[in-house]
Each structure stands twice: as structure tokens, then as C-alpha cells.
Protein backbone atom coordinates (compact mmCIF):
# COMPACT_ATOMS: atom_id res chain seq x y z
CA MET A 1 142.31 7.92 125.74
CA LYS A 2 143.31 4.52 124.39
CA ASP A 3 144.31 6.16 121.12
CA PRO A 4 147.70 7.90 121.60
CA SER A 5 146.80 10.52 118.98
CA ALA A 6 143.52 11.38 120.74
CA GLU A 7 145.35 11.60 124.07
CA GLN A 8 148.00 13.89 122.58
CA ASN A 9 145.33 16.15 121.05
CA PHE A 10 143.43 16.23 124.34
CA HIS A 11 146.54 17.31 126.27
CA LYS A 12 147.34 19.94 123.63
CA ASP A 13 143.78 21.35 123.82
CA LEU A 14 143.83 21.27 127.62
CA SER A 15 147.16 23.11 127.70
CA MET A 16 145.88 25.78 125.33
CA PHE A 17 142.69 26.21 127.35
CA LEU A 18 144.50 26.52 130.67
CA THR A 19 147.15 28.96 129.42
CA SER A 20 144.74 31.17 127.46
CA GLY A 21 142.51 32.01 130.44
CA GLY A 22 143.28 34.90 132.73
CA GLY A 23 142.48 33.13 135.97
CA ARG A 24 144.96 32.85 138.81
CA CYS A 25 145.16 30.46 141.71
CA VAL A 26 146.40 29.99 145.24
CA ILE A 27 147.50 26.46 146.06
CA VAL A 28 148.74 25.24 149.41
CA VAL A 29 150.73 22.01 149.51
CA VAL A 30 151.31 20.33 152.86
CA ASN A 31 154.31 18.19 153.66
CA LYS A 32 152.52 15.56 155.74
CA LYS A 33 155.73 14.23 157.25
CA LYS A 34 156.73 17.67 158.56
CA ALA A 35 153.19 18.33 159.77
CA HIS A 36 153.22 15.00 161.62
CA ASN A 37 156.57 15.88 163.22
CA LEU A 38 155.04 19.15 164.41
CA LYS A 39 152.17 17.13 165.94
CA TRP A 40 149.62 18.81 163.68
CA THR A 41 146.23 17.12 163.59
CA VAL A 42 144.23 16.84 160.37
CA ALA A 43 142.25 19.85 161.61
CA ASP A 44 145.48 21.81 162.20
CA VAL A 45 146.65 21.09 158.66
CA TYR A 46 143.36 22.15 157.11
CA ARG A 47 143.04 25.25 159.31
CA ASN A 48 146.63 26.41 158.63
CA ALA A 49 146.30 25.73 154.90
CA SER A 50 142.99 27.60 154.78
CA ASN A 51 144.46 30.53 156.69
CA GLU A 52 147.44 30.85 154.32
CA MET A 53 145.26 30.46 151.24
CA LEU A 54 142.90 33.21 152.39
CA ARG A 55 145.71 35.49 153.52
CA ILE A 56 147.52 35.27 150.16
CA PHE A 57 144.27 35.89 148.27
CA ILE A 58 143.37 38.91 150.41
CA GLU A 59 146.90 40.31 150.18
CA TYR A 60 146.90 39.90 146.40
CA LEU A 61 143.52 41.60 145.99
CA ASP A 62 144.63 44.45 148.24
CA THR A 63 147.79 45.07 146.17
CA LYS A 64 145.61 45.23 143.05
CA ASN A 65 143.00 47.41 144.79
CA ASP A 66 140.48 44.82 143.68
CA GLN A 67 137.83 42.57 145.15
CA GLY A 68 137.12 38.89 144.70
CA GLN A 69 135.02 35.94 145.59
CA ILE A 70 135.95 32.53 146.91
CA ILE A 71 134.61 29.38 145.27
CA ILE A 72 135.69 26.31 147.17
CA GLU A 73 134.83 22.70 146.59
CA SER A 74 133.07 21.32 149.63
CA ALA A 75 135.30 18.93 151.55
CA GLY A 76 132.73 17.76 154.07
CA ALA A 77 131.10 19.45 157.04
CA LYS A 78 134.11 19.45 159.39
CA LYS A 79 136.59 20.83 156.86
CA ASP A 80 134.09 23.31 155.43
CA ILE A 81 133.44 24.67 158.90
CA LEU A 82 137.19 25.03 159.53
CA PHE A 83 137.62 26.96 156.29
CA TYR A 84 134.58 29.11 157.01
CA LYS A 85 135.90 29.92 160.50
CA GLU A 86 139.17 31.17 158.96
CA TYR A 87 137.17 33.24 156.46
CA ILE A 88 135.04 34.74 159.26
CA TYR A 89 138.17 35.40 161.33
CA PHE A 90 139.53 37.67 158.59
CA LEU A 91 136.14 39.35 158.10
CA ALA A 92 135.90 40.07 161.82
CA ASN A 93 139.52 40.98 162.57
CA GLY A 94 141.17 42.10 159.36
CA ILE A 95 144.91 41.65 158.90
CA LEU A 96 146.52 44.28 161.08
CA SER A 97 150.06 43.49 159.87
CA LEU A 98 148.93 44.57 156.39
CA GLY A 99 147.00 47.58 157.66
CA LEU A 100 143.67 46.00 156.71
CA ASP A 101 140.83 46.37 159.17
CA HIS A 102 137.64 44.30 159.10
CA LYS A 103 135.83 46.94 157.01
CA LYS A 104 138.48 46.77 154.28
CA ILE A 105 138.41 42.95 154.27
CA LYS A 106 134.63 43.07 153.76
CA GLN A 107 135.21 45.31 150.73
CA ILE A 108 137.88 42.96 149.36
CA LEU A 109 136.09 39.61 149.90
CA THR A 110 132.66 39.86 148.32
CA SER A 111 131.37 36.31 148.75
CA ILE A 112 132.14 32.70 149.50
CA SER A 113 130.52 29.67 147.91
CA PHE A 114 130.92 26.04 148.85
CA VAL A 115 130.17 23.92 145.78
CA SER A 116 130.06 20.21 145.10
CA LYS A 117 131.55 18.42 142.11
CA ASN A 118 127.99 17.99 140.87
CA ASN A 119 127.78 21.78 140.44
CA GLN A 120 130.48 21.41 137.75
CA ASP A 121 132.04 24.81 138.42
CA ILE A 122 134.86 25.37 135.97
CA GLU A 123 136.89 27.09 138.70
CA ALA A 124 136.77 24.02 140.95
CA GLN A 125 137.62 21.72 138.04
CA ILE A 126 140.63 23.84 137.08
CA ALA A 127 141.76 23.90 140.72
CA ASP A 128 141.60 20.08 140.74
CA LEU A 129 143.69 19.96 137.55
CA LEU A 130 146.35 22.25 139.02
CA ALA A 131 146.54 20.56 142.44
CA TYR A 132 148.33 17.52 141.01
CA PRO A 133 151.20 19.44 139.40
CA ALA A 134 151.54 21.54 142.57
CA GLY A 135 152.16 18.39 144.60
CA HIS A 136 154.45 17.02 141.90
CA ASN A 137 156.40 20.29 141.86
CA CYS A 138 157.02 19.99 145.61
CA LEU A 139 158.16 16.39 145.25
CA THR A 140 160.66 17.31 142.54
CA SER A 141 161.85 20.33 144.57
CA ASP A 142 162.48 18.01 147.53
CA GLY A 143 164.34 15.56 145.28
CA LEU A 144 161.75 12.81 145.78
CA LYS A 145 160.80 12.71 142.08
CA LYS A 146 162.75 13.49 138.95
CA VAL A 147 161.64 15.99 136.33
CA VAL A 148 160.95 14.23 133.05
CA PRO A 149 161.18 16.90 130.32
CA ASN A 150 158.06 17.25 128.15
CA SER A 151 156.12 14.74 130.25
CA TYR A 152 152.50 15.42 131.22
CA GLU A 153 153.71 16.40 134.70
CA ASP A 154 156.38 18.73 133.34
CA ASN A 155 153.90 20.43 131.02
CA MET A 156 151.29 20.81 133.78
CA CYS A 157 153.94 22.28 136.11
CA LYS A 158 154.78 24.85 133.42
CA ILE A 159 151.08 25.73 133.10
CA LEU A 160 150.77 25.94 136.88
CA ASN A 161 153.67 28.38 136.89
CA THR A 162 151.70 30.72 134.60
CA LYS A 163 148.62 30.59 136.85
CA MET A 164 150.17 31.37 140.23
CA LEU A 165 149.51 34.73 141.84
CA ARG A 166 152.70 36.76 141.97
CA PHE A 167 152.88 40.20 143.46
CA VAL A 168 154.87 42.58 145.56
CA ASN A 169 153.07 43.91 148.60
CA LYS A 170 153.73 47.62 148.26
CA LYS A 171 153.07 48.28 151.93
CA ASN A 172 155.64 45.80 153.22
CA LYS A 173 157.80 45.47 150.07
CA ILE A 174 157.39 41.70 150.29
CA SER A 175 157.37 39.59 147.14
CA ARG A 176 154.76 36.82 147.37
CA GLU A 177 153.30 34.15 145.18
CA GLY A 178 150.21 32.00 145.45
CA PHE A 179 152.07 28.77 145.95
CA ILE A 180 153.05 27.85 149.44
CA SER A 181 154.26 24.67 150.99
CA LEU A 182 153.27 24.08 154.62
CA PRO A 183 154.44 23.64 157.34
CA LEU A 184 156.29 26.92 157.10
């Protein structure tokens, strides 16, 4: 990437690749300062983020009358167990506020896979690429960073905007999107 022309072509190709695919994402961004003020531990942050991520994904799939799988990059034994506990919670209990019992959740969520970077799953790599602009988007929304038009960050935020889940829950008439900033 020392050659500006090669870097520009790379970013152009990356942008085209990311916008041409049909994939969608759910990203949870945590405001660490607010979480600290709420006395959340690292485990609380991860558990709450996992819960929201799963809930949005399940709600989205339900509105589309579809099913899906979860591919998550392993974050270490403690965090993986926290995520898996949230996943099992939904499988065992459903989401009563959405009218989804445990049987329906088991139809909606077909599998979960914890993968490492060495597995080179394209889904995990794309999620990594989109996590940075999600954080940047929150910082600009909070006035902590300025938007620089046509910068790498600005372009990635525009791509992120095309990838977010957006839907209206027909049962509750609630408009949702797959980008959430915690603490709520």
C-alpha cells in the first residue's frame, strides 16, 4: 500500500465487493464510559452486547419468516461461553415479548459456529472490516470526531449503512435496525 494508486484501487475494489454482496450485519457498539458509569463489568458488557445482537438477529429473521445461522469469531473461552449462554437462553426461553416460544426460536436459529481467524471465514473478515466504521460512526455522532467527506472512514460508514439490518416488526410495529449503541 506504499503506492497511492495501488491503495486507491484496493479501496475501490473493496468498496465494490462489500456493496455488491447481499449480506447484512448486526453490530453492537459499546460506550465504555457509560458502561463504566453504570458499573458494568467486562462480562456485563459482553453479555448485554451478545443479548442485543442475538435479539435483533432473531427479530429480523422472524419478520422475514426466515432462518439463519450464527458465525462468530472466537473471543476466548470466557467470552465465548457468555455468548453461548445468551444463545442457549433464547433457545430455551424464546422471546415472549415478540410471541416467540422456544420451539419457534429453534426453527429460526439453525446453528452456531465459533471460528478462529485461522479459519478465514469471509463472514468474520467482513464483520471485522465493518466494526471499525461502526465505532467511528458512533464517535462522529457523539461529536468526538469530525466527518471528513470522501475519506476512508466516510466511505466505509456509507458501506456500513447499506449492510445494516433494517426492518419493521409487524407484530409490534417497531422499526429496528442492526446497529445499536450500548448502554441503552
